[in-house]
Amino acid sequence: MSLVIKSLANFFVCMMLVSAATSAEAVEGPIAYFSDEVPVEFSKPTLPSPKDQVTVAKVRVMGRPAFLLGPDQSGRSSGKMPKEPYSAMLKVLDVIRGKPPEQELVSVTFGTSGFIPTYALGPSTPRQLAQEYYVSMYEDAFGFHLLGSPIDTDRYREWQREISEFERDRLRSPPK
């Protein structure tokens, strides 16, 4: 009987250690979907399955990313939480690695409906929207999806600071 109890105890300890290691890998720090540099590393929670091919491309974002959660046509909340709650239209300027998309303009989804404390969602200020970025993406039956890649904490804070200052100034300025 004590052998069974020891085996069960060892099993539960191993399961707790594996669970802790898995959840520690889930949040690696700040994540960015749009980068000034060619991404070489992807965030573990956003990696596609091995059968999906990753394309790394230089792009221009054609407008502020859209939040896909909101009221439906009736004005009520749709209640469904998409797996990737953000969308953006990208103009593909150059393909660095992987299969080029069939069209120059590509609609992509990104982000996560789960809790990730720090990820830079996308360009929002006029200066950010005027820049070109590198992205990593893959295509499946539902379309194109951006992959997050780790970003330095200081760069993440600077990105978010610029967006916060722009929004604060925009809200203070009188309507035209």
Protein backbone atom coordinates (compact mmCIF):
# COMPACT_ATOMS: atom_id res chain seq x y z
CA MET A 1 0.00 0.00 0.00
CA SER A 2 2.78 2.45 0.86
CA LEU A 3 4.38 1.76 -2.56
CA VAL A 4 1.15 2.86 -4.26
CA ILE A 5 1.00 6.02 -2.13
CA LYS A 6 4.67 6.85 -2.90
CA SER A 7 4.05 6.29 -6.62
CA LEU A 8 0.99 8.54 -6.55
CA ALA A 9 2.85 11.21 -4.57
CA ASN A 10 5.75 11.12 -7.06
CA PHE A 11 3.28 11.34 -9.94
CA PHE A 12 1.55 14.41 -8.47
CA VAL A 13 4.87 16.13 -7.73
CA CYS A 14 6.02 15.53 -11.32
CA MET A 15 2.70 16.85 -12.68
CA MET A 16 2.99 20.00 -10.56
CA LEU A 17 6.55 20.61 -11.77
CA VAL A 18 5.59 20.10 -15.41
CA SER A 19 2.58 22.39 -14.98
CA ALA A 20 4.72 25.11 -13.37
CA ALA A 21 7.34 24.85 -16.13
CA THR A 22 4.66 25.06 -18.83
CA SER A 23 2.98 28.12 -17.33
CA ALA A 24 6.36 29.80 -16.82
CA GLU A 25 7.04 29.42 -20.54
CA ALA A 26 3.65 30.85 -21.47
CA VAL A 27 4.63 34.40 -20.47
CA GLU A 28 8.13 35.24 -21.57
CA GLY A 29 7.89 38.97 -21.14
CA PRO A 30 6.72 41.66 -23.52
CA ILE A 31 5.59 40.52 -26.98
CA ALA A 32 5.46 42.56 -30.20
CA TYR A 33 3.78 41.74 -33.49
CA PHE A 34 5.43 44.56 -35.48
CA SER A 35 9.21 44.94 -35.30
CA ASP A 36 11.94 47.26 -36.58
CA GLU A 37 14.19 44.20 -36.96
CA VAL A 38 13.70 40.86 -38.70
CA PRO A 39 12.19 38.54 -36.06
CA VAL A 40 14.27 35.47 -35.35
CA GLU A 41 12.44 34.16 -32.28
CA PHE A 42 8.73 33.59 -31.69
CA SER A 43 6.78 33.61 -28.47
CA LYS A 44 5.92 30.04 -27.47
CA PRO A 45 2.16 30.64 -27.03
CA THR A 46 1.87 31.95 -30.59
CA LEU A 47 3.85 29.29 -32.48
CA PRO A 48 1.87 27.61 -35.25
CA SER A 49 1.73 23.88 -35.65
CA PRO A 50 4.70 22.33 -37.51
CA LYS A 51 2.69 21.91 -40.73
CA ASP A 52 2.16 25.66 -41.01
CA GLN A 53 4.81 27.63 -42.85
CA VAL A 54 6.01 30.88 -41.31
CA THR A 55 6.54 33.86 -43.63
CA VAL A 56 8.70 36.79 -42.53
CA ALA A 57 7.88 39.95 -44.45
CA LYS A 58 8.52 43.67 -44.51
CA VAL A 59 5.16 45.46 -44.39
CA ARG A 60 3.39 48.76 -44.00
CA VAL A 61 0.32 48.84 -41.74
CA MET A 62 -2.58 50.40 -43.65
CA GLY A 63 -4.40 51.81 -40.62
CA ARG A 64 -4.77 51.36 -36.91
CA PRO A 65 -5.43 47.76 -35.87
CA ALA A 66 -9.10 47.05 -35.20
CA PHE A 67 -10.46 45.41 -32.08
CA LEU A 68 -12.79 42.64 -33.24
CA LEU A 69 -14.90 42.50 -30.09
CA GLY A 70 -17.86 44.75 -29.92
CA PRO A 71 -21.56 44.97 -30.55
CA ASP A 72 -23.05 42.95 -33.37
CA GLN A 73 -25.47 44.40 -35.92
CA SER A 74 -28.26 44.50 -33.34
CA GLY A 75 -26.12 46.60 -30.98
CA ARG A 76 -25.74 43.81 -28.44
CA SER A 77 -22.48 42.15 -27.49
CA SER A 78 -21.86 39.11 -29.65
CA GLY A 79 -20.76 37.11 -26.61
CA LYS A 80 -18.21 35.15 -28.63
CA MET A 81 -14.59 35.83 -27.84
CA PRO A 82 -12.37 35.34 -30.91
CA LYS A 83 -9.08 33.55 -30.39
CA GLU A 84 -7.26 36.55 -31.90
CA PRO A 85 -9.18 39.74 -31.10
CA TYR A 86 -7.22 42.20 -33.28
CA SER A 87 -7.09 42.67 -37.03
CA ALA A 88 -4.98 44.81 -39.36
CA MET A 89 -4.55 45.33 -43.09
CA LEU A 90 -0.93 45.03 -44.22
CA LYS A 91 0.74 45.97 -47.49
CA VAL A 92 3.48 43.40 -48.12
CA LEU A 93 6.58 45.24 -49.37
CA ASP A 94 9.09 42.39 -49.37
CA VAL A 95 9.23 38.76 -48.31
CA ILE A 96 12.38 37.95 -46.34
CA ARG A 97 11.66 34.27 -45.74
CA GLY A 98 8.88 31.84 -46.58
CA LYS A 99 6.09 31.75 -49.11
CA PRO A 100 4.87 35.15 -50.37
CA PRO A 101 1.14 35.85 -49.96
CA GLU A 102 -0.81 35.75 -53.22
CA GLN A 103 -1.92 39.38 -52.84
CA GLU A 104 -0.07 42.56 -51.90
CA LEU A 105 -2.71 43.58 -49.33
CA VAL A 106 -3.21 41.03 -46.57
CA SER A 107 -5.71 41.04 -43.71
CA VAL A 108 -4.20 39.52 -40.57
CA THR A 109 -5.42 38.70 -37.09
CA PHE A 110 -3.30 38.73 -33.95
CA GLY A 111 -3.33 39.04 -30.20
CA THR A 112 -4.85 36.62 -27.79
CA SER A 113 -8.12 36.44 -25.95
CA GLY A 114 -6.26 34.88 -23.02
CA PHE A 115 -4.36 36.94 -20.49
CA ILE A 116 -0.97 38.15 -21.66
CA PRO A 117 0.05 41.08 -19.49
CA THR A 118 2.33 42.87 -21.92
CA TYR A 119 2.11 42.85 -25.65
CA ALA A 120 2.43 45.76 -28.03
CA LEU A 121 -0.66 45.53 -30.22
CA GLY A 122 0.34 47.54 -33.22
CA PRO A 123 1.12 50.94 -34.64
CA SER A 124 -1.37 53.59 -33.51
CA THR A 125 0.27 57.00 -33.82
CA PRO A 126 0.84 58.77 -37.16
CA ARG A 127 4.60 58.33 -36.76
CA GLN A 128 4.24 54.61 -36.05
CA LEU A 129 1.83 54.14 -38.96
CA ALA A 130 4.28 55.86 -41.35
CA GLN A 131 7.02 53.32 -40.62
CA GLU A 132 7.71 49.97 -42.22
CA TYR A 133 7.84 46.88 -40.04
CA TYR A 134 8.86 43.25 -40.12
CA VAL A 135 6.25 40.68 -39.21
CA SER A 136 6.11 36.90 -38.92
CA MET A 137 2.89 35.31 -40.09
CA TYR A 138 1.39 32.05 -41.17
CA GLU A 139 -1.70 31.14 -43.14
CA ASP A 140 -4.28 28.52 -42.32
CA ALA A 141 -7.88 27.83 -43.35
CA PHE A 142 -9.03 30.95 -41.45
CA GLY A 143 -6.55 33.39 -43.03
CA PHE A 144 -3.27 35.01 -42.00
CA HIS A 145 -2.15 35.25 -38.37
CA LEU A 146 0.73 37.26 -36.94
CA LEU A 147 3.19 35.61 -34.58
CA GLY A 148 4.40 37.52 -31.56
CA SER A 149 8.08 37.80 -30.85
CA PRO A 150 9.83 38.84 -27.64
CA ILE A 151 10.59 42.54 -27.30
CA ASP A 152 12.93 44.28 -24.88
CA THR A 153 11.03 45.75 -21.91
CA ASP A 154 12.44 49.25 -22.50
CA ARG A 155 11.38 49.19 -26.16
CA TYR A 156 7.92 47.98 -25.15
CA ARG A 157 7.55 50.79 -22.60
CA GLU A 158 8.69 53.41 -25.14
CA TRP A 159 6.17 52.06 -27.70
CA GLN A 160 3.33 52.21 -25.18
CA ARG A 161 4.44 55.64 -23.87
CA GLU A 162 4.25 57.09 -27.40
CA ILE A 163 0.74 55.70 -27.88
CA SER A 164 -0.43 56.96 -24.47
CA GLU A 165 0.93 60.47 -25.11
CA PHE A 166 -0.65 60.58 -28.57
CA GLU A 167 -4.05 59.49 -27.21
CA ARG A 168 -3.85 61.97 -24.34
CA ASP A 169 -3.03 64.84 -26.75
CA ARG A 170 -5.74 63.73 -29.17
CA LEU A 171 -8.37 63.74 -26.44
CA ARG A 172 -7.30 67.22 -25.25
CA SER A 173 -7.37 68.86 -28.68
CA PRO A 174 -10.63 70.47 -29.80
CA PRO A 175 -12.55 68.73 -32.60
CA LYS A 176 -12.02 70.10 -36.10
